[in-house]
Amino acid sequence: MATPTNTPTRGRTMWWGMTLRCARCGSGHLFRRYFSMVPDCPRCGLHFEREQGYWTGALAFNMIATGGLLDRKSTRLNSSHRT
């Protein structure tokens, strides 16, 4: 398993993330199907797993976004009934 000696720049790492590549080596082929990711990078062996609390953050984000949308919709409904 080859590990690069120099660390990629922050911009390169962000680009690799947006193009679904390995954060360590930049290799592709990390997904078997659309939502099915391989457990390890085939080139450098980096193991991929979700961090503890991953779903908590996703849940909080969705609750805040949904609450904001519902609040905005109810404000529009209330203002349309006043006229």
Protein backbone atom coordinates (compact mmCIF):
# COMPACT_ATOMS: atom_id res chain seq x y z
CA MET A 1 0.00 0.00 0.00
CA ALA A 2 1.65 3.17 -1.19
CA THR A 3 1.24 6.29 0.91
CA PRO A 4 2.20 9.64 -0.61
CA THR A 5 5.10 11.36 1.13
CA ASN A 6 3.77 14.89 0.71
CA THR A 7 0.41 16.05 2.00
CA PRO A 8 -2.01 17.40 -0.63
CA THR A 9 -3.13 21.02 -0.37
CA ARG A 10 -6.46 21.91 1.19
CA GLY A 11 -7.87 22.93 -2.19
CA ARG A 12 -6.83 19.66 -3.80
CA THR A 13 -8.37 17.67 -0.95
CA MET A 14 -11.64 19.62 -1.33
CA TRP A 15 -11.62 18.96 -5.11
CA TRP A 16 -11.05 15.26 -4.52
CA GLY A 17 -14.01 15.21 -2.12
CA MET A 18 -16.30 16.95 -4.60
CA THR A 19 -15.27 14.54 -7.37
CA LEU A 20 -15.74 11.49 -5.11
CA ARG A 21 -12.06 10.58 -4.82
CA CYS A 22 -9.94 9.34 -1.93
CA ALA A 23 -8.85 12.13 0.44
CA ARG A 24 -5.40 10.63 0.90
CA CYS A 25 -4.27 9.63 -2.62
CA GLY A 26 -6.92 11.04 -5.01
CA SER A 27 -7.83 7.66 -6.50
CA GLY A 28 -11.34 7.14 -7.86
CA HIS A 29 -13.48 3.97 -7.86
CA LEU A 30 -14.66 4.42 -4.27
CA PHE A 31 -18.28 3.48 -4.97
CA ARG A 32 -19.66 0.09 -6.00
CA ARG A 33 -23.07 1.56 -6.80
CA TYR A 34 -24.58 5.02 -6.39
CA PHE A 35 -24.96 4.82 -2.58
CA SER A 36 -22.65 1.88 -1.81
CA MET A 37 -19.10 2.84 -0.89
CA VAL A 38 -16.15 0.45 -0.72
CA PRO A 39 -14.77 -0.05 2.84
CA ASP A 40 -11.15 0.76 1.87
CA CYS A 41 -9.45 2.77 -0.88
CA PRO A 42 -8.24 0.30 -3.54
CA ARG A 43 -5.01 2.27 -4.05
CA CYS A 44 -3.76 3.40 -0.61
CA GLY A 45 -5.92 1.30 1.75
CA LEU A 46 -7.48 4.24 3.67
CA HIS A 47 -10.40 2.85 5.66
CA PHE A 48 -13.67 4.79 5.31
CA GLU A 49 -16.17 4.89 8.15
CA ARG A 50 -18.57 7.41 9.62
CA GLU A 51 -17.54 9.20 12.77
CA GLN A 52 -19.45 8.78 16.01
CA GLY A 53 -22.34 11.24 16.08
CA TYR A 54 -22.61 11.50 12.29
CA TRP A 55 -26.37 10.95 12.27
CA THR A 56 -26.88 13.44 15.11
CA GLY A 57 -25.49 16.26 12.98
CA ALA A 58 -27.57 15.24 9.98
CA LEU A 59 -30.70 15.09 12.14
CA ALA A 60 -30.03 18.52 13.65
CA PHE A 61 -29.44 20.06 10.21
CA ASN A 62 -32.68 18.60 8.84
CA MET A 63 -34.70 19.74 11.86
CA ILE A 64 -33.38 23.31 11.58
CA ALA A 65 -33.98 23.45 7.82
CA THR A 66 -37.50 22.03 8.10
CA GLY A 67 -38.34 24.34 11.01
CA GLY A 68 -37.16 27.34 9.01
CA LEU A 69 -39.24 26.36 5.99
CA LEU A 70 -42.37 25.76 8.06
CA ASP A 71 -41.90 29.04 9.91
CA ARG A 72 -41.52 30.91 6.64
CA LYS A 73 -44.61 29.23 5.18
CA SER A 74 -46.73 29.97 8.27
CA THR A 75 -45.60 33.61 8.20
CA ARG A 76 -46.70 33.91 4.58
CA LEU A 77 -50.05 32.28 5.34
CA ASN A 78 -50.68 34.60 8.30
CA SER A 79 -49.79 37.72 6.29
CA SER A 80 -52.08 36.72 3.39
CA HIS A 81 -55.09 36.37 5.76
CA ARG A 82 -54.65 39.88 7.19
CA THR A 83 -55.37 41.69 3.93
